[in-house]
Amino acid sequence: MSVKEKTSEKITISLSKELAQQFKSLVPSRQRSAFIAKLLEEQLALQQQVNALNESAGIWQDKNHPELAADGVDTWLKNQRKKWE
């Protein structure tokens, strides 16, 4: 068994005929798995970010940080910058 066989798993996916034909015409046969794996990796990373944003939505509340609410952000930044000087 080769290293590739140990670290790879075959799966079956379905595509529309138009998408499959376009894919076959643009990506050489020996590069298709790598092409799909790279796209899938990128999309899964984006989905993980979306999931994290959705899970944390609403966690920040102005009532817990009145110093940063509305115009308070500018005042807070000015005070922080004064401390750095």
PDB file of N, CA and C in Angstrom:
ATOM      1  N   MET A   1       0.850  -1.188   0.000  1.00  0.00           N
ATOM      2  CA  MET A   1       0.000   0.000   0.000  1.00  0.00           C
ATOM      3  C   MET A   1       0.889   1.241   0.000  1.00  0.00           C
ATOM      4  N   SER A   2       0.648   2.169  -0.900  1.00  0.00           N
ATOM      5  CA  SER A   2       1.460   3.378  -1.000  1.00  0.00           C
ATOM      6  C   SER A   2       1.058   4.386   0.071  1.00  0.00           C
ATOM      7  N   VAL A   3       1.903   5.390   0.291  1.00  0.00           N
ATOM      8  CA  VAL A   3       1.619   6.448   1.266  1.00  0.00           C
ATOM      9  C   VAL A   3       0.334   7.166   0.890  1.00  0.00           C
ATOM     10  N   LYS A   4       0.142   7.427  -0.394  1.00  0.00           N
ATOM     11  CA  LYS A   4      -1.057   8.117  -0.852  1.00  0.00           C
ATOM     12  C   LYS A   4      -2.315   7.331  -0.485  1.00  0.00           C
ATOM     13  N   GLU A   5      -2.258   6.024  -0.644  1.00  0.00           N
ATOM     14  CA  GLU A   5      -3.408   5.184  -0.324  1.00  0.00           C
ATOM     15  C   GLU A   5      -3.709   5.205   1.172  1.00  0.00           C
ATOM     16  N   LYS A   6      -2.690   5.329   2.003  1.00  0.00           N
ATOM     17  CA  LYS A   6      -2.878   5.348   3.445  1.00  0.00           C
ATOM     18  C   LYS A   6      -3.501   6.660   3.918  1.00  0.00           C
ATOM     19  N   THR A   7      -3.211   7.740   3.216  1.00  0.00           N
ATOM     20  CA  THR A   7      -3.666   9.054   3.673  1.00  0.00           C
ATOM     21  C   THR A   7      -4.837   9.596   2.872  1.00  0.00           C
ATOM     22  N   SER A   8      -5.315   8.849   1.923  1.00  0.00           N
ATOM     23  CA  SER A   8      -6.407   9.306   1.072  1.00  0.00           C
ATOM     24  C   SER A   8      -7.636   8.428   1.248  1.00  0.00           C
ATOM     25  N   GLU A   9      -8.760   9.023   0.949  1.00  0.00           N
ATOM     26  CA  GLU A   9     -10.011   8.262   0.973  1.00  0.00           C
ATOM     27  C   GLU A   9     -10.810   8.661  -0.255  1.00  0.00           C
ATOM     28  N   LYS A  10     -11.281   7.677  -0.975  1.00  0.00           N
ATOM     29  CA  LYS A  10     -12.107   7.949  -2.151  1.00  0.00           C
ATOM     30  C   LYS A  10     -13.533   8.230  -1.707  1.00  0.00           C
ATOM     31  N   ILE A  11     -14.141   9.236  -2.331  1.00  0.00           N
ATOM     32  CA  ILE A  11     -15.545   9.526  -2.085  1.00  0.00           C
ATOM     33  C   ILE A  11     -16.224   9.744  -3.426  1.00  0.00           C
ATOM     34  N   THR A  12     -17.511   9.666  -3.426  1.00  0.00           N
ATOM     35  CA  THR A  12     -18.288   9.893  -4.644  1.00  0.00           C
ATOM     36  C   THR A  12     -19.086  11.177  -4.461  1.00  0.00           C
ATOM     37  N   ILE A  13     -19.036  12.036  -5.457  1.00  0.00           N
ATOM     38  CA  ILE A  13     -19.835  13.256  -5.438  1.00  0.00           C
ATOM     39  C   ILE A  13     -20.612  13.354  -6.744  1.00  0.00           C
ATOM     40  N   SER A  14     -21.673  14.119  -6.721  1.00  0.00           N
ATOM     41  CA  SER A  14     -22.462  14.329  -7.938  1.00  0.00           C
ATOM     42  C   SER A  14     -22.398  15.801  -8.317  1.00  0.00           C
ATOM     43  N   LEU A  15     -22.225  16.037  -9.598  1.00  0.00           N
ATOM     44  CA  LEU A  15     -22.194  17.393 -10.143  1.00  0.00           C
ATOM     45  C   LEU A  15     -23.176  17.459 -11.297  1.00  0.00           C
ATOM     46  N   SER A  16     -23.626  18.664 -11.584  1.00  0.00           N
ATOM     47  CA  SER A  16     -24.459  18.805 -12.781  1.00  0.00           C
ATOM     48  C   SER A  16     -23.598  18.459 -13.996  1.00  0.00           C
ATOM     49  N   LYS A  17     -24.236  18.040 -15.068  1.00  0.00           N
ATOM     50  CA  LYS A  17     -23.484  17.682 -16.278  1.00  0.00           C
ATOM     51  C   LYS A  17     -22.668  18.859 -16.787  1.00  0.00           C
ATOM     52  N   GLU A  18     -23.249  20.058 -16.723  1.00  0.00           N
ATOM     53  CA  GLU A  18     -22.549  21.244 -17.215  1.00  0.00           C
ATOM     54  C   GLU A  18     -21.296  21.526 -16.381  1.00  0.00           C
ATOM     55  N   LEU A  19     -21.439  21.430 -15.058  1.00  0.00           N
ATOM     56  CA  LEU A  19     -20.305  21.692 -14.175  1.00  0.00           C
ATOM     57  C   LEU A  19     -19.228  20.626 -14.347  1.00  0.00           C
ATOM     58  N   ALA A  20     -19.633  19.378 -14.449  1.00  0.00           N
ATOM     59  CA  ALA A  20     -18.677  18.286 -14.650  1.00  0.00           C
ATOM     60  C   ALA A  20     -17.917  18.465 -15.959  1.00  0.00           C
ATOM     61  N   GLN A  21     -18.615  18.844 -17.014  1.00  0.00           N
ATOM     62  CA  GLN A  21     -17.962  19.031 -18.313  1.00  0.00           C
ATOM     63  C   GLN A  21     -16.975  20.190 -18.271  1.00  0.00           C
ATOM     64  N   GLN A  22     -17.372  21.272 -17.638  1.00  0.00           N
ATOM     65  CA  GLN A  22     -16.481  22.427 -17.519  1.00  0.00           C
ATOM     66  C   GLN A  22     -15.239  22.049 -16.705  1.00  0.00           C
ATOM     67  N   PHE A  23     -15.455  21.338 -15.616  1.00  0.00           N
ATOM     68  CA  PHE A  23     -14.347  20.886 -14.775  1.00  0.00           C
ATOM     69  C   PHE A  23     -13.377  20.016 -15.571  1.00  0.00           C
ATOM     70  N   LYS A  24     -13.919  19.049 -16.293  1.00  0.00           N
ATOM     71  CA  LYS A  24     -13.079  18.156 -17.089  1.00  0.00           C
ATOM     72  C   LYS A  24     -12.324  18.899 -18.185  1.00  0.00           C
ATOM     73  N   SER A  25     -12.947  19.911 -18.746  1.00  0.00           N
ATOM     74  CA  SER A  25     -12.289  20.635 -19.843  1.00  0.00           C
ATOM     75  C   SER A  25     -11.204  21.596 -19.339  1.00  0.00           C
ATOM     76  N   LEU A  26     -11.316  22.028 -18.106  1.00  0.00           N
ATOM     77  CA  LEU A  26     -10.355  23.012 -17.591  1.00  0.00           C
ATOM     78  C   LEU A  26      -9.248  22.425 -16.720  1.00  0.00           C
ATOM     79  N   VAL A  27      -9.511  21.299 -16.070  1.00  0.00           N
ATOM     80  CA  VAL A  27      -8.535  20.730 -15.144  1.00  0.00           C
ATOM     81  C   VAL A  27      -8.073  19.373 -15.683  1.00  0.00           C
ATOM     82  N   PRO A  28      -6.779  19.216 -15.912  1.00  0.00           N
ATOM     83  CA  PRO A  28      -6.264  17.938 -16.415  1.00  0.00           C
ATOM     84  C   PRO A  28      -6.597  16.799 -15.455  1.00  0.00           C
ATOM     85  N   SER A  29      -6.819  15.616 -15.998  1.00  0.00           N
ATOM     86  CA  SER A  29      -7.304  14.478 -15.214  1.00  0.00           C
ATOM     87  C   SER A  29      -6.413  14.151 -14.011  1.00  0.00           C
ATOM     88  N   ARG A  30      -5.125  14.256 -14.141  1.00  0.00           N
ATOM     89  CA  ARG A  30      -4.225  13.895 -13.050  1.00  0.00           C
ATOM     90  C   ARG A  30      -4.117  15.001 -11.992  1.00  0.00           C
ATOM     91  N   GLN A  31      -4.804  16.104 -12.199  1.00  0.00           N
ATOM     92  CA  GLN A  31      -4.759  17.209 -11.238  1.00  0.00           C
ATOM     93  C   GLN A  31      -6.116  17.455 -10.564  1.00  0.00           C
ATOM     94  N   ARG A  32      -7.095  16.688 -10.924  1.00  0.00           N
ATOM     95  CA  ARG A  32      -8.469  16.954 -10.448  1.00  0.00           C
ATOM     96  C   ARG A  32      -8.643  16.729  -8.952  1.00  0.00           C
ATOM     97  N   SER A  33      -8.093  15.665  -8.417  1.00  0.00           N
ATOM     98  CA  SER A  33      -8.251  15.401  -6.985  1.00  0.00           C
ATOM     99  C   SER A  33      -7.599  16.512  -6.164  1.00  0.00           C
ATOM    100  N   ALA A  34      -6.398  16.908  -6.546  1.00  0.00           N
ATOM    101  CA  ALA A  34      -5.698  17.975  -5.827  1.00  0.00           C
ATOM    102  C   ALA A  34      -6.468  19.288  -5.933  1.00  0.00           C
ATOM    103  N   PHE A  35      -7.024  19.549  -7.100  1.00  0.00           N
ATOM    104  CA  PHE A  35      -7.805  20.764  -7.330  1.00  0.00           C
ATOM    105  C   PHE A  35      -9.018  20.802  -6.395  1.00  0.00           C
ATOM    106  N   ILE A  36      -9.743  19.706  -6.357  1.00  0.00           N
ATOM    107  CA  ILE A  36     -10.935  19.638  -5.502  1.00  0.00           C
ATOM    108  C   ILE A  36     -10.541  19.707  -4.030  1.00  0.00           C
ATOM    109  N   ALA A  37      -9.467  19.013  -3.647  1.00  0.00           N
ATOM    110  CA  ALA A  37      -9.023  19.025  -2.250  1.00  0.00           C
ATOM    111  C   ALA A  37      -8.668  20.439  -1.801  1.00  0.00           C
ATOM    112  N   LYS A  38      -7.978  21.197  -2.669  1.00  0.00           N
ATOM    113  CA  LYS A  38      -7.603  22.568  -2.319  1.00  0.00           C
ATOM    114  C   LYS A  38      -8.842  23.452  -2.158  1.00  0.00           C
ATOM    115  N   LEU A  39      -9.774  23.350  -3.086  1.00  0.00           N
ATOM    116  CA  LEU A  39     -11.010  24.133  -2.988  1.00  0.00           C
ATOM    117  C   LEU A  39     -11.797  23.769  -1.736  1.00  0.00           C
ATOM    118  N   LEU A  40     -11.875  22.483  -1.455  1.00  0.00           N
ATOM    119  CA  LEU A  40     -12.624  22.018  -0.287  1.00  0.00           C
ATOM    120  C   LEU A  40     -11.965  22.520   1.004  1.00  0.00           C
ATOM    121  N   GLU A  41     -10.642  22.457   1.056  1.00  0.00           N
ATOM    122  CA  GLU A  41      -9.906  22.968   2.212  1.00  0.00           C
ATOM    123  C   GLU A  41     -10.217  24.445   2.448  1.00  0.00           C
ATOM    124  N   GLU A  42     -10.167  25.240   1.384  1.00  0.00           N
ATOM    125  CA  GLU A  42     -10.431  26.679   1.483  1.00  0.00           C
ATOM    126  C   GLU A  42     -11.871  26.947   1.936  1.00  0.00           C
ATOM    127  N   GLN A  43     -12.813  26.241   1.366  1.00  0.00           N
ATOM    128  CA  GLN A  43     -14.212  26.454   1.713  1.00  0.00           C
ATOM    129  C   GLN A  43     -14.523  25.991   3.134  1.00  0.00           C
ATOM    130  N   LEU A  44     -13.893  24.914   3.568  1.00  0.00           N
ATOM    131  CA  LEU A  44     -14.105  24.444   4.934  1.00  0.00           C
ATOM    132  C   LEU A  44     -13.530  25.446   5.941  1.00  0.00           C
ATOM    133  N   ALA A  45     -12.383  26.038   5.627  1.00  0.00           N
ATOM    134  CA  ALA A  45     -11.801  27.058   6.504  1.00  0.00           C
ATOM    135  C   ALA A  45     -12.737  28.262   6.605  1.00  0.00           C
ATOM    136  N   LEU A  46     -13.301  28.679   5.466  1.00  0.00           N
ATOM    137  CA  LEU A  46     -14.261  29.786   5.479  1.00  0.00           C
ATOM    138  C   LEU A  46     -15.504  29.427   6.288  1.00  0.00           C
ATOM    139  N   GLN A  47     -15.984  28.202   6.132  1.00  0.00           N
ATOM    140  CA  GLN A  47     -17.172  27.773   6.869  1.00  0.00           C
ATOM    141  C   GLN A  47     -16.902  27.741   8.370  1.00  0.00           C
ATOM    142  N   GLN A  48     -15.699  27.329   8.757  1.00  0.00           N
ATOM    143  CA  GLN A  48     -15.341  27.333  10.172  1.00  0.00           C
ATOM    144  C   GLN A  48     -15.362  28.760  10.724  1.00  0.00           C
ATOM    145  N   GLN A  49     -14.894  29.722   9.930  1.00  0.00           N
ATOM    146  CA  GLN A  49     -14.926  31.123  10.355  1.00  0.00           C
ATOM    147  C   GLN A  49     -16.364  31.608  10.497  1.00  0.00           C
ATOM    148  N   VAL A  50     -17.202  31.267   9.546  1.00  0.00           N
ATOM    149  CA  VAL A  50     -18.615  31.653   9.604  1.00  0.00           C
ATOM    150  C   VAL A  50     -19.262  31.048  10.844  1.00  0.00           C
ATOM    151  N   ASN A  51     -18.980  29.769  11.106  1.00  0.00           N
ATOM    152  CA  ASN A  51     -19.535  29.111  12.290  1.00  0.00           C
ATOM    153  C   ASN A  51     -19.089  29.802  13.567  1.00  0.00           C
ATOM    154  N   ALA A  52     -17.814  30.166  13.652  1.00  0.00           N
ATOM    155  CA  ALA A  52     -17.298  30.846  14.842  1.00  0.00           C
ATOM    156  C   ALA A  52     -17.964  32.204  15.019  1.00  0.00           C
ATOM    157  N   LEU A  53     -18.143  32.935  13.915  1.00  0.00           N
ATOM    158  CA  LEU A  53     -18.824  34.232  13.996  1.00  0.00           C
ATOM    159  C   LEU A  53     -20.269  34.072  14.440  1.00  0.00           C
ATOM    160  N   ASN A  54     -20.942  33.063  13.904  1.00  0.00           N
ATOM    161  CA  ASN A  54     -22.331  32.820  14.291  1.00  0.00           C
ATOM    162  C   ASN A  54     -22.442  32.432  15.761  1.00  0.00           C
ATOM    163  N   GLU A  55     -21.512  31.613  16.236  1.00  0.00           N
ATOM    164  CA  GLU A  55     -21.534  31.186  17.633  1.00  0.00           C
ATOM    165  C   GLU A  55     -21.266  32.341  18.586  1.00  0.00           C
ATOM    166  N   SER A  56     -20.448  33.294  18.151  1.00  0.00           N
ATOM    167  CA  SER A  56     -20.096  34.407  19.040  1.00  0.00           C
ATOM    168  C   SER A  56     -20.997  35.628  18.847  1.00  0.00           C
ATOM    169  N   ALA A  57     -21.916  35.561  17.917  1.00  0.00           N
ATOM    170  CA  ALA A  57     -22.818  36.692  17.666  1.00  0.00           C
ATOM    171  C   ALA A  57     -23.601  37.023  18.924  1.00  0.00           C
ATOM    172  N   GLY A  58     -23.600  38.300  19.271  1.00  0.00           N
ATOM    173  CA  GLY A  58     -24.354  38.760  20.430  1.00  0.00           C
ATOM    174  C   GLY A  58     -23.608  38.656  21.744  1.00  0.00           C
ATOM    175  N   ILE A  59     -22.387  38.124  21.713  1.00  0.00           N
ATOM    176  CA  ILE A  59     -21.632  37.961  22.949  1.00  0.00           C
ATOM    177  C   ILE A  59     -21.194  39.318  23.510  1.00  0.00           C
ATOM    178  N   TRP A  60     -20.924  40.264  22.621  1.00  0.00           N
ATOM    179  CA  TRP A  60     -20.526  41.607  23.041  1.00  0.00           C
ATOM    180  C   TRP A  60     -21.782  42.422  23.272  1.00  0.00           C
ATOM    181  N   GLN A  61     -21.888  42.995  24.439  1.00  0.00           N
ATOM    182  CA  GLN A  61     -23.044  43.824  24.750  1.00  0.00           C
ATOM    183  C   GLN A  61     -22.568  45.166  25.289  1.00  0.00           C
ATOM    184  N   ASP A  62     -23.139  46.247  24.754  1.00  0.00           N
ATOM    185  CA  ASP A  62     -22.750  47.586  25.170  1.00  0.00           C
ATOM    186  C   ASP A  62     -22.914  47.793  26.672  1.00  0.00           C
ATOM    187  N   LYS A  63     -23.928  47.176  27.267  1.00  0.00           N
ATOM    188  CA  LYS A  63     -24.167  47.378  28.701  1.00  0.00           C
ATOM    189  C   LYS A  63     -22.993  46.872  29.543  1.00  0.00           C
ATOM    190  N   ASN A  64     -22.245  45.915  29.018  1.00  0.00           N
ATOM    191  CA  ASN A  64     -21.082  45.391  29.735  1.00  0.00           C
ATOM    192  C   ASN A  64     -19.827  46.224  29.503  1.00  0.00           C
ATOM    193  N   HIS A  65     -19.862  47.083  28.498  1.00  0.00           N
ATOM    194  CA  HIS A  65     -18.705  47.922  28.141  1.00  0.00           C
ATOM    195  C   HIS A  65     -19.168  49.336  27.801  1.00  0.00           C
ATOM    196  N   PRO A  66     -19.717  50.056  28.770  1.00  0.00           N
ATOM    197  CA  PRO A  66     -20.245  51.395  28.478  1.00  0.00           C
ATOM    198  C   PRO A  66     -19.167  52.368  28.009  1.00  0.00           C
ATOM    199  N   GLU A  67     -17.921  52.121  28.401  1.00  0.00           N
ATOM    200  CA  GLU A  67     -16.829  53.012  27.983  1.00  0.00           C
ATOM    201  C   GLU A  67     -16.579  52.956  26.482  1.00  0.00           C
ATOM    202  N   LEU A  68     -17.070  51.921  25.823  1.00  0.00           N
ATOM    203  CA  LEU A  68     -16.867  51.775  24.382  1.00  0.00           C
ATOM    204  C   LEU A  68     -18.132  52.012  23.572  1.00  0.00           C
ATOM    205  N   ALA A  69     -19.228  52.274  24.223  1.00  0.00           N
ATOM    206  CA  ALA A  69     -20.498  52.469  23.514  1.00  0.00           C
ATOM    207  C   ALA A  69     -20.492  53.798  22.773  1.00  0.00           C
ATOM    208  N   ALA A  70     -21.062  53.803  21.587  1.00  0.00           N
ATOM    209  CA  ALA A  70     -21.242  55.002  20.737  1.00  0.00           C
ATOM    210  C   ALA A  70     -19.984  55.865  20.709  1.00  0.00           C
ATOM    211  N   ASP A  71     -20.083  57.119  21.162  1.00  0.00           N
ATOM    212  CA  ASP A  71     -18.946  58.053  21.116  1.00  0.00           C
ATOM    213  C   ASP A  71     -17.871  57.698  22.128  1.00  0.00           C
ATOM    214  N   GLY A  72     -18.172  56.796  23.027  1.00  0.00           N
ATOM    215  CA  GLY A  72     -17.202  56.398  24.036  1.00  0.00           C
ATOM    216  C   GLY A  72     -15.958  55.758  23.457  1.00  0.00           C
ATOM    217  N   VAL A  73     -16.038  55.209  22.276  1.00  0.00           N
ATOM    218  CA  VAL A  73     -14.881  54.573  21.638  1.00  0.00           C
ATOM    219  C   VAL A  73     -13.781  55.587  21.410  1.00  0.00           C
ATOM    220  N   ASP A  74     -14.132  56.758  20.891  1.00  0.00           N
ATOM    221  CA  ASP A  74     -13.126  57.795  20.643  1.00  0.00           C
ATOM    222  C   ASP A  74     -12.456  58.233  21.939  1.00  0.00           C
ATOM    223  N   THR A  75     -13.242  58.432  22.969  1.00  0.00           N
ATOM    224  CA  THR A  75     -12.700  58.838  24.265  1.00  0.00           C
ATOM    225  C   THR A  75     -11.799  57.750  24.835  1.00  0.00           C
ATOM    226  N   TRP A  76     -12.243  56.516  24.747  1.00  0.00           N
ATOM    227  CA  TRP A  76     -11.453  55.397  25.248  1.00  0.00           C
ATOM    228  C   TRP A  76     -10.114  55.309  24.520  1.00  0.00           C
ATOM    229  N   LEU A  77     -10.138  55.444  23.183  1.00  0.00           N
ATOM    230  CA  LEU A  77      -8.886  55.397  22.410  1.00  0.00           C
ATOM    231  C   LEU A  77      -7.939  56.524  22.790  1.00  0.00           C
ATOM    232  N   LYS A  78      -8.459  57.739  22.953  1.00  0.00           N
ATOM    233  CA  LYS A  78      -7.625  58.873  23.345  1.00  0.00           C
ATOM    234  C   LYS A  78      -6.954  58.598  24.687  1.00  0.00           C
ATOM    235  N   ASN A  79      -7.728  58.066  25.636  1.00  0.00           N
ATOM    236  CA  ASN A  79      -7.169  57.758  26.960  1.00  0.00           C
ATOM    237  C   ASN A  79      -6.101  56.670  26.878  1.00  0.00           C
ATOM    238  N   GLN A  80      -6.341  55.665  26.053  1.00  0.00           N
ATOM    239  CA  GLN A  80      -5.350  54.597  25.891  1.00  0.00           C
ATOM    240  C   GLN A  80      -4.070  55.134  25.273  1.00  0.00           C
ATOM    241  N   ARG A  81      -4.199  55.985  24.292  1.00  0.00           N
ATOM    242  CA  ARG A  81      -3.024  56.541  23.613  1.00  0.00           C
ATOM    243  C   ARG A  81      -2.232  57.448  24.551  1.00  0.00           C
ATOM    244  N   LYS A  82      -2.916  58.160  25.433  1.00  0.00           N
ATOM    245  CA  LYS A  82      -2.220  59.002  26.419  1.00  0.00           C
ATOM    246  C   LYS A  82      -1.357  58.147  27.338  1.00  0.00           C
ATOM    247  N   LYS A  83      -1.845  56.970  27.678  1.00  0.00           N
ATOM    248  CA  LYS A  83      -1.094  56.073  28.542  1.00  0.00           C
ATOM    249  C   LYS A  83       0.187  55.583  27.867  1.00  0.00           C
ATOM    250  N   TRP A  84       0.157  55.465  26.549  1.00  0.00           N
ATOM    251  CA  TRP A  84       1.321  54.967  25.821  1.00  0.00           C
ATOM    252  C   TRP A  84       2.430  56.003  25.714  1.00  0.00           C
ATOM    253  N   GLU A  85       2.052  57.279  25.813  1.00  0.00           N
ATOM    254  CA  GLU A  85       3.040  58.355  25.620  1.00  0.00           C
ATOM    255  C   GLU A  85       3.911  58.573  26.810  1.00  0.00           C
TER     256      GLU A  85
END
